[in-house]
């Protein structure tokens, strides 16, 4: 999954701290997560991207059920502007997962 989202300048530090925590917890405790990371746009200071790669749908479900994700989702929603623009990509033979956050 690739999510693009906007964060107001006054929320940037809090958003970055939150995402750094979620990424660290995910990497430390979820071996089935192939990649979990975020980055800030060079060209648009208020734009961020989150890239998530899961081994399978069960790993994604476990990630969404983790304490750090359940705690982070409402905090993240309060820090971003509007809805994230989420796109899901799957490898051949894979099944898409159900989206938890609505996208535009």
C-alpha atoms as a PDB file:
ATOM      1  CA  UNK A   1       0.000   0.000   0.000  1.00  0.00           C
ATOM      2  CA  UNK A   2       1.124   3.500  -0.759  1.00  0.00           C
ATOM      3  CA  UNK A   3      -0.555   6.411   0.986  1.00  0.00           C
ATOM      4  CA  UNK A   4      -0.018  10.087   0.184  1.00  0.00           C
ATOM      5  CA  UNK A   5      -1.222  12.580   2.752  1.00  0.00           C
ATOM      6  CA  UNK A   6      -0.900  16.195   3.790  1.00  0.00           C
ATOM      7  CA  UNK A   7       0.155  17.427   7.208  1.00  0.00           C
ATOM      8  CA  UNK A   8      -0.079  21.073   8.260  1.00  0.00           C
ATOM      9  CA  UNK A   9       3.295  22.572   9.269  1.00  0.00           C
ATOM     10  CA  UNK A  10       2.190  22.936  12.896  1.00  0.00           C
ATOM     11  CA  UNK A  11       1.480  19.167  13.025  1.00  0.00           C
ATOM     12  CA  UNK A  12       4.611  18.004  11.177  1.00  0.00           C
ATOM     13  CA  UNK A  13       6.798  17.278  14.225  1.00  0.00           C
ATOM     14  CA  UNK A  14       4.047  15.327  15.995  1.00  0.00           C
ATOM     15  CA  UNK A  15       3.205  13.385  12.822  1.00  0.00           C
ATOM     16  CA  UNK A  16       6.848  12.520  12.174  1.00  0.00           C
ATOM     17  CA  UNK A  17       7.355  11.376  15.780  1.00  0.00           C
ATOM     18  CA  UNK A  18       4.228   9.219  15.596  1.00  0.00           C
ATOM     19  CA  UNK A  19       5.228   7.613  12.299  1.00  0.00           C
ATOM     20  CA  UNK A  20       8.793   7.043  13.511  1.00  0.00           C
ATOM     21  CA  UNK A  21       7.363   5.184  16.527  1.00  0.00           C
ATOM     22  CA  UNK A  22       4.958   3.087  14.434  1.00  0.00           C
ATOM     23  CA  UNK A  23       7.678   2.200  11.931  1.00  0.00           C
ATOM     24  CA  UNK A  24      10.106   1.199  14.697  1.00  0.00           C
ATOM     25  CA  UNK A  25       7.513  -0.951  16.477  1.00  0.00           C
ATOM     26  CA  UNK A  26       6.459  -2.551  13.209  1.00  0.00           C
ATOM     27  CA  UNK A  27      10.038  -3.394  12.223  1.00  0.00           C
ATOM     28  CA  UNK A  28      10.861  -4.734  15.692  1.00  0.00           C
ATOM     29  CA  UNK A  29       7.772  -6.877  16.238  1.00  0.00           C
ATOM     30  CA  UNK A  30       6.303  -7.829  12.860  1.00  0.00           C
ATOM     31  CA  UNK A  31       8.654 -10.054  10.837  1.00  0.00           C
ATOM     32  CA  UNK A  32       6.003 -10.609   8.154  1.00  0.00           C
ATOM     33  CA  UNK A  33       6.020  -6.930   7.246  1.00  0.00           C
ATOM     34  CA  UNK A  34       8.422  -6.786   4.323  1.00  0.00           C
ATOM     35  CA  UNK A  35       8.702  -2.983   4.402  1.00  0.00           C
ATOM     36  CA  UNK A  36       7.160  -0.186   6.450  1.00  0.00           C
ATOM     37  CA  UNK A  37       8.396   3.352   6.024  1.00  0.00           C
ATOM     38  CA  UNK A  38       7.465   6.967   5.521  1.00  0.00           C
ATOM     39  CA  UNK A  39       9.054   9.972   3.860  1.00  0.00           C
ATOM     40  CA  UNK A  40       8.453  13.684   3.447  1.00  0.00           C
ATOM     41  CA  UNK A  41       8.258  15.231  -0.015  1.00  0.00           C
ATOM     42  CA  UNK A  42      11.194  17.344  -1.128  1.00  0.00           C
ATOM     43  CA  UNK A  43       8.989  19.464  -3.398  1.00  0.00           C
ATOM     44  CA  UNK A  44       5.863  19.822  -1.236  1.00  0.00           C
ATOM     45  CA  UNK A  45       6.725  20.416   2.426  1.00  0.00           C
ATOM     46  CA  UNK A  46       3.273  19.384   3.661  1.00  0.00           C
ATOM     47  CA  UNK A  47       3.133  16.101   1.722  1.00  0.00           C
ATOM     48  CA  UNK A  48       4.155  12.702   3.082  1.00  0.00           C
ATOM     49  CA  UNK A  49       4.121   9.162   1.742  1.00  0.00           C
ATOM     50  CA  UNK A  50       3.765   5.937   3.721  1.00  0.00           C
ATOM     51  CA  UNK A  51       4.794   2.691   2.020  1.00  0.00           C
ATOM     52  CA  UNK A  52       3.689  -0.633   3.496  1.00  0.00           C
ATOM     53  CA  UNK A  53       4.538  -4.078   2.082  1.00  0.00           C
ATOM     54  CA  UNK A  54       3.080  -7.192   3.699  1.00  0.00           C
ATOM     55  CA  UNK A  55       3.934 -10.849   3.078  1.00  0.00           C
ATOM     56  CA  UNK A  56       0.225 -11.675   2.950  1.00  0.00           C
ATOM     57  CA  UNK A  57      -3.240 -10.612   4.106  1.00  0.00           C
ATOM     58  CA  UNK A  58      -2.820 -12.307   7.497  1.00  0.00           C
ATOM     59  CA  UNK A  59       0.292 -10.227   8.202  1.00  0.00           C
ATOM     60  CA  UNK A  60      -1.627  -7.090   7.259  1.00  0.00           C
ATOM     61  CA  UNK A  61      -4.490  -8.067   9.571  1.00  0.00           C
ATOM     62  CA  UNK A  62      -2.042  -8.653  12.438  1.00  0.00           C
ATOM     63  CA  UNK A  63      -0.429  -5.275  11.768  1.00  0.00           C
ATOM     64  CA  UNK A  64      -3.782  -3.505  11.894  1.00  0.00           C
ATOM     65  CA  UNK A  65      -4.593  -5.298  15.171  1.00  0.00           C
ATOM     66  CA  UNK A  66      -1.319  -4.328  16.849  1.00  0.00           C
ATOM     67  CA  UNK A  67      -1.535  -1.983  19.827  1.00  0.00           C
ATOM     68  CA  UNK A  68       0.712   0.647  18.233  1.00  0.00           C
ATOM     69  CA  UNK A  69      -1.385   0.827  15.057  1.00  0.00           C
ATOM     70  CA  UNK A  70      -4.689   0.931  16.936  1.00  0.00           C
ATOM     71  CA  UNK A  71      -3.325   3.767  19.077  1.00  0.00           C
ATOM     72  CA  UNK A  72      -1.726   5.593  16.129  1.00  0.00           C
ATOM     73  CA  UNK A  73      -4.682   5.632  13.724  1.00  0.00           C
ATOM     74  CA  UNK A  74      -6.847   8.169  15.590  1.00  0.00           C
ATOM     75  CA  UNK A  75      -3.792  10.266  16.467  1.00  0.00           C
ATOM     76  CA  UNK A  76      -2.678  10.264  12.832  1.00  0.00           C
ATOM     77  CA  UNK A  77      -6.170  11.153  11.604  1.00  0.00           C
ATOM     78  CA  UNK A  78      -6.131  14.198  13.900  1.00  0.00           C
ATOM     79  CA  UNK A  79      -2.784  15.352  12.489  1.00  0.00           C
ATOM     80  CA  UNK A  80      -3.428  15.022   8.754  1.00  0.00           C
ATOM     81  CA  UNK A  81      -5.494  17.251   6.500  1.00  0.00           C
ATOM     82  CA  UNK A  82      -8.374  15.538   4.731  1.00  0.00           C
ATOM     83  CA  UNK A  83      -8.255  11.873   3.816  1.00  0.00           C
ATOM     84  CA  UNK A  84      -5.122  10.036   2.768  1.00  0.00           C
ATOM     85  CA  UNK A  85      -4.851   9.052  -0.884  1.00  0.00           C
ATOM     86  CA  UNK A  86      -4.311   5.280  -0.596  1.00  0.00           C
ATOM     87  CA  UNK A  87      -3.498   2.914  -3.430  1.00  0.00           C
ATOM     88  CA  UNK A  88      -3.075  -0.810  -3.000  1.00  0.00           C
ATOM     89  CA  UNK A  89      -0.829  -2.918  -5.207  1.00  0.00           C
ATOM     90  CA  UNK A  90      -0.613  -6.698  -5.180  1.00  0.00           C
ATOM     91  CA  UNK A  91       1.795  -9.199  -6.677  1.00  0.00           C
ATOM     92  CA  UNK A  92       0.496 -11.767  -9.128  1.00  0.00           C
ATOM     93  CA  UNK A  93      -1.489 -14.394  -7.266  1.00  0.00           C
ATOM     94  CA  UNK A  94      -2.008 -12.200  -4.201  1.00  0.00           C
ATOM     95  CA  UNK A  95      -5.354 -11.115  -2.833  1.00  0.00           C
ATOM     96  CA  UNK A  96      -5.972  -7.447  -1.997  1.00  0.00           C
ATOM     97  CA  UNK A  97      -6.695  -6.669   1.644  1.00  0.00           C
ATOM     98  CA  UNK A  98      -9.701  -4.760   2.866  1.00  0.00           C
ATOM     99  CA  UNK A  99      -8.918  -1.092   3.379  1.00  0.00           C
ATOM    100  CA  UNK A 100      -9.346   0.230   6.902  1.00  0.00           C
ATOM    101  CA  UNK A 101      -9.091   3.947   6.135  1.00  0.00           C
ATOM    102  CA  UNK A 102     -11.229   5.376   3.347  1.00  0.00           C
ATOM    103  CA  UNK A 103      -9.281   7.120   0.611  1.00  0.00           C
ATOM    104  CA  UNK A 104     -10.248   9.661  -1.981  1.00  0.00           C
END
